[in-house]
Amino acid sequence: MSPRRLAAGNWKMNGDLAALTQIDALCDAFPDPGCDILICPPALLIHPVKGRIGAHPIALGGQDCHTRSSGAHTGDISAVQLKDVGADYVIVGHSERRADHGETDDDIAAKAAAAHEADLIAIICVGETEAQRDSGQTLEVIETQLAGSVPPGATALNTVIAYEPVWAIGSGRTPTKDQIAEVHGRIRAVLAQRIRDAADLRLLYGGSVKPSNAAEIFAIADVDGALVGGASLKADDFGAIIRALGEAG
């Protein structure tokens, strides 16, 4: 059986203890959501969010991890530590990490491997810039990122791929349905050459996903869910996206 579709919320560097009322609202609204739900809050909030979720079907994830399990790495968090406080997933290779911290494909592959070693599911992000899109390099960029960022041992059980066109994140702009389908189809084909169960590996779309466009996006072939930024901060908005995904099957 293929994994259920996934609605993943990336809070980025937003939220505080007062924001946990949004978690309460999600728990109340989705006793049986029809898809998997994931919240990736700032690391300081993972443990208190875990306490609020209780037995509700909402998973937790980190937004990054170090390649090492422990050591003299001030300010960093290991995959082992994320697992210890209740995380099941971790995002690696988000475009903001690639741009703000200079992370390379090799760095991201090492982080994903560390996540797998800690029994976390790695959400590996790929995506092109606006300049790369305009110059016709999108598929080449995506293939290069996949080749360098997905470590050996990746499977449909321990890995999720998120396609996030950099130019669409937080901009309110989204690619056309054909553009999303083209990239997701290529991702699936590339992964099929090296991952035995690539047909079951979940491919998420991210980049200005909101209630008004969610249903249209989830109807696209090879889109198995979404990695949602700003809209995941409010239970009403994220809830609408979750409903659209559940209804998409």
Protein backbone atom coordinates (compact mmCIF):
# COMPACT_ATOMS: atom_id res chain seq x y z
CA MET A 1 0.00 0.00 0.00
CA SER A 2 1.33 3.43 -0.94
CA PRO A 3 1.91 5.94 1.88
CA ARG A 4 -0.92 8.38 2.50
CA ARG A 5 -0.66 11.88 1.12
CA LEU A 6 1.14 14.37 3.34
CA ALA A 7 0.29 17.92 4.38
CA ALA A 8 3.47 19.33 5.96
CA GLY A 9 3.56 22.73 7.66
CA ASN A 10 6.90 24.53 7.94
CA TRP A 11 6.59 27.30 10.54
CA LYS A 12 10.12 28.53 9.79
CA MET A 13 11.31 31.06 12.44
CA ASN A 14 7.78 31.87 13.53
CA GLY A 15 5.61 30.97 16.47
CA ASP A 16 5.82 30.96 20.25
CA LEU A 17 4.07 29.21 23.13
CA ALA A 18 0.99 31.36 22.59
CA ALA A 19 0.76 30.03 19.03
CA LEU A 20 0.10 26.53 20.31
CA THR A 21 -3.61 27.35 20.35
CA GLN A 22 -3.37 26.79 16.58
CA ILE A 23 -2.25 23.22 17.31
CA ASP A 24 -5.24 22.75 19.61
CA ALA A 25 -7.54 23.93 16.82
CA LEU A 26 -6.01 21.47 14.33
CA CYS A 27 -6.40 18.61 16.79
CA ASP A 28 -10.05 19.48 17.33
CA ALA A 29 -10.75 19.82 13.61
CA PHE A 30 -9.08 16.63 12.36
CA PRO A 31 -9.73 13.50 14.42
CA ASP A 32 -9.48 11.55 11.12
CA PRO A 33 -8.01 13.84 8.44
CA GLY A 34 -7.82 11.43 5.49
CA CYS A 35 -4.14 12.27 4.96
CA ASP A 36 -0.99 12.54 7.05
CA ILE A 37 -0.43 15.85 8.84
CA LEU A 38 3.00 17.15 9.83
CA ILE A 39 3.99 20.29 11.72
CA CYS A 40 7.62 21.48 11.69
CA PRO A 41 7.80 24.25 14.31
CA PRO A 42 10.97 25.94 15.57
CA ALA A 43 13.03 23.35 17.46
CA LEU A 44 12.29 24.96 20.84
CA LEU A 45 8.59 24.25 20.34
CA ILE A 46 8.77 20.58 19.31
CA HIS A 47 8.51 19.21 22.84
CA PRO A 48 5.62 21.46 23.99
CA VAL A 49 3.77 20.85 20.72
CA LYS A 50 4.20 17.11 21.28
CA GLY A 51 2.46 17.51 24.60
CA ARG A 52 -0.47 19.35 23.02
CA ILE A 53 -0.92 16.79 20.25
CA GLY A 54 -1.18 13.78 22.54
CA ALA A 55 -2.80 10.90 20.68
CA HIS A 56 -4.06 13.02 17.76
CA PRO A 57 -2.81 11.96 14.29
CA ILE A 58 -0.37 14.82 13.78
CA ALA A 59 3.36 14.19 13.34
CA LEU A 60 6.20 16.53 14.25
CA GLY A 61 9.40 17.43 12.46
CA GLY A 62 12.48 19.60 12.68
CA GLN A 63 13.47 22.22 10.13
CA ASP A 64 17.13 21.19 9.89
CA CYS A 65 19.68 18.92 11.53
CA HIS A 66 23.45 18.58 11.80
CA THR A 67 25.33 15.84 10.01
CA ARG A 68 26.79 14.58 13.30
CA SER A 69 24.87 12.95 16.14
CA SER A 70 26.65 14.99 18.84
CA GLY A 71 29.76 17.06 19.45
CA ALA A 72 31.21 20.56 19.68
CA HIS A 73 28.79 22.27 17.29
CA THR A 74 27.42 25.25 19.17
CA GLY A 75 23.91 26.23 18.17
CA ASP A 76 23.25 23.13 16.08
CA ILE A 77 20.74 20.33 16.65
CA SER A 78 21.29 16.71 15.75
CA ALA A 79 18.81 14.31 14.21
CA VAL A 80 19.19 12.13 17.30
CA GLN A 81 18.12 15.04 19.52
CA LEU A 82 15.12 15.76 17.31
CA LYS A 83 14.05 12.14 17.56
CA ASP A 84 14.50 12.23 21.34
CA VAL A 85 12.04 15.11 21.81
CA GLY A 86 9.36 13.57 19.62
CA ALA A 87 10.12 14.38 15.98
CA ASP A 88 9.40 11.89 13.21
CA TYR A 89 10.60 13.99 10.26
CA VAL A 90 13.20 16.62 9.46
CA ILE A 91 13.40 19.06 6.54
CA VAL A 92 16.81 19.26 4.88
CA GLY A 93 18.01 21.37 1.96
CA HIS A 94 15.31 24.02 2.08
CA SER A 95 16.18 26.83 -0.33
CA GLU A 96 16.51 29.23 2.60
CA ARG A 97 19.18 26.99 4.10
CA ARG A 98 20.91 26.66 0.74
CA ALA A 99 20.88 30.46 0.24
CA ASP A 100 21.33 31.80 3.78
CA HIS A 101 23.83 29.19 4.99
CA GLY A 102 25.54 28.15 1.77
CA GLU A 103 24.51 24.51 2.09
CA THR A 104 25.60 22.31 -0.80
CA ASP A 105 24.06 19.16 -2.20
CA ASP A 106 26.76 17.17 -0.38
CA ASP A 107 25.82 18.85 2.92
CA ILE A 108 22.18 18.01 2.36
CA ALA A 109 22.89 14.37 1.48
CA ALA A 110 24.91 14.05 4.70
CA LYS A 111 22.08 15.56 6.73
CA ALA A 112 19.53 13.25 5.11
CA ALA A 113 21.76 10.27 5.88
CA ALA A 114 22.01 11.43 9.51
CA ALA A 115 18.23 11.66 9.62
CA HIS A 116 17.88 8.12 8.32
CA GLU A 117 20.41 6.87 10.88
CA ALA A 118 18.32 8.48 13.64
CA ASP A 119 15.14 6.85 12.28
CA LEU A 120 13.71 10.13 11.01
CA ILE A 121 12.03 10.65 7.65
CA ALA A 122 14.03 13.19 5.64
CA ILE A 123 12.12 15.75 3.57
CA ILE A 124 14.70 16.72 0.94
CA CYS A 125 13.96 20.02 -0.81
CA VAL A 126 14.86 20.88 -4.39
CA GLY A 127 13.97 23.85 -6.55
CA GLU A 128 15.16 26.36 -9.13
CA THR A 129 15.61 30.13 -8.89
CA GLU A 130 13.71 32.54 -11.12
CA ALA A 131 16.82 33.10 -13.24
CA GLN A 132 17.25 29.37 -13.73
CA ARG A 133 13.58 29.00 -14.69
CA ASP A 134 13.77 31.88 -17.16
CA SER A 135 16.89 30.45 -18.79
CA GLY A 136 15.33 27.02 -19.31
CA GLN A 137 17.54 25.27 -16.74
CA THR A 138 14.81 24.02 -14.39
CA LEU A 139 14.98 20.31 -15.13
CA GLU A 140 18.77 20.32 -15.25
CA VAL A 141 18.93 22.05 -11.85
CA ILE A 142 16.43 19.62 -10.32
CA GLU A 143 18.27 16.58 -11.66
CA THR A 144 21.59 17.88 -10.33
CA GLN A 145 20.11 18.56 -6.90
CA LEU A 146 18.54 15.11 -6.75
CA ALA A 147 21.77 13.42 -7.77
CA GLY A 148 23.73 15.23 -5.08
CA SER A 149 21.20 15.57 -2.26
CA VAL A 150 19.55 12.15 -2.06
CA PRO A 151 21.83 9.74 -0.16
CA PRO A 152 22.28 6.01 -0.75
CA GLY A 153 19.72 4.06 1.22
CA ALA A 154 16.86 6.45 0.50
CA THR A 155 13.51 4.67 0.20
CA ALA A 156 9.84 5.58 0.09
CA LEU A 157 9.67 4.85 3.81
CA ASN A 158 12.48 7.15 4.97
CA THR A 159 12.45 9.94 2.36
CA VAL A 160 10.08 12.56 0.98
CA ILE A 161 11.02 14.96 -1.83
CA ALA A 162 9.64 18.51 -1.82
CA TYR A 163 9.76 20.57 -4.99
CA GLU A 164 9.83 24.25 -4.05
CA PRO A 165 10.55 26.67 -6.89
CA VAL A 166 12.56 29.34 -5.09
CA TRP A 167 10.84 32.17 -6.91
CA ALA A 168 7.41 31.04 -5.71
CA ILE A 169 8.16 30.75 -1.99
CA GLY A 170 6.31 33.48 -0.11
CA SER A 171 5.71 35.42 -3.33
CA GLY A 172 2.08 34.54 -3.89
CA ARG A 173 3.08 33.21 -7.33
CA THR A 174 2.84 29.58 -8.35
CA PRO A 175 3.98 27.72 -11.46
CA THR A 176 1.35 26.58 -13.92
CA LYS A 177 -0.18 23.13 -13.57
CA ASP A 178 1.85 21.95 -16.55
CA GLN A 179 5.09 23.27 -15.04
CA ILE A 180 4.45 21.50 -11.73
CA ALA A 181 3.49 18.28 -13.51
CA GLU A 182 6.63 18.41 -15.66
CA VAL A 183 8.96 18.78 -12.69
CA HIS A 184 7.20 16.19 -10.52
CA GLY A 185 7.16 13.75 -13.39
CA ARG A 186 10.88 14.23 -13.96
CA ILE A 187 11.61 13.81 -10.24
CA ARG A 188 9.72 10.51 -10.22
CA ALA A 189 11.54 9.30 -13.33
CA VAL A 190 14.98 10.27 -12.01
CA LEU A 191 14.39 8.60 -8.66
CA ALA A 192 13.09 5.45 -10.35
CA GLN A 193 16.60 4.92 -11.72
CA ARG A 194 18.10 4.59 -8.24
CA ILE A 195 15.30 3.88 -5.73
CA ARG A 196 13.47 0.59 -6.02
CA ASP A 197 10.18 1.82 -4.55
CA ALA A 198 10.27 5.29 -6.13
CA ALA A 199 6.68 4.85 -7.32
CA ASP A 200 5.58 5.02 -3.67
CA LEU A 201 7.90 7.88 -2.63
CA ARG A 202 5.87 10.97 -1.74
CA LEU A 203 6.53 14.10 -3.79
CA LEU A 204 5.35 17.35 -2.23
CA TYR A 205 4.81 20.68 -3.93
CA GLY A 206 5.72 23.83 -2.00
CA GLY A 207 5.70 27.49 -2.92
CA SER A 208 2.75 29.74 -2.06
CA VAL A 209 0.32 26.88 -1.44
CA LYS A 210 -2.87 28.35 0.02
CA PRO A 211 -6.53 27.41 0.44
CA SER A 212 -7.48 29.05 -2.85
CA ASN A 213 -5.13 26.95 -5.01
CA ALA A 214 -4.69 23.75 -2.98
CA ALA A 215 -7.34 21.62 -4.69
CA GLU A 216 -6.02 22.52 -8.15
CA ILE A 217 -2.45 21.64 -7.14
CA PHE A 218 -3.44 18.32 -5.54
CA ALA A 219 -5.18 17.24 -8.74
CA ILE A 220 -1.85 17.29 -10.62
CA ALA A 221 -0.20 13.96 -11.38
CA ASP A 222 2.64 12.94 -9.04
CA VAL A 223 1.74 15.57 -6.43
CA ASP A 224 1.33 13.63 -3.18
CA GLY A 225 0.91 16.58 -0.84
CA ALA A 226 2.38 19.94 0.04
CA LEU A 227 5.09 21.60 2.07
CA VAL A 228 3.29 24.71 3.30
CA GLY A 229 4.94 27.82 4.73
CA GLY A 230 2.98 30.86 5.85
CA ALA A 231 -0.45 29.25 5.47
CA SER A 232 0.48 26.58 8.02
CA LEU A 233 0.69 29.15 10.83
CA LYS A 234 -3.09 29.55 11.03
CA ALA A 235 -5.26 26.54 11.75
CA ASP A 236 -8.06 27.79 9.51
CA ASP A 237 -5.80 28.19 6.47
CA PHE A 238 -3.81 25.00 7.02
CA GLY A 239 -7.03 23.16 7.80
CA ALA A 240 -8.50 24.16 4.44
CA ILE A 241 -5.38 22.80 2.70
CA ILE A 242 -5.58 19.57 4.69
CA ARG A 243 -9.24 19.14 3.71
CA ALA A 244 -8.41 19.69 0.05
CA LEU A 245 -5.69 17.04 0.26
CA GLY A 246 -7.94 14.57 2.05
CA GLU A 247 -10.64 15.05 -0.57
CA ALA A 248 -8.10 14.54 -3.35
CA GLY A 249 -7.64 10.99 -2.13
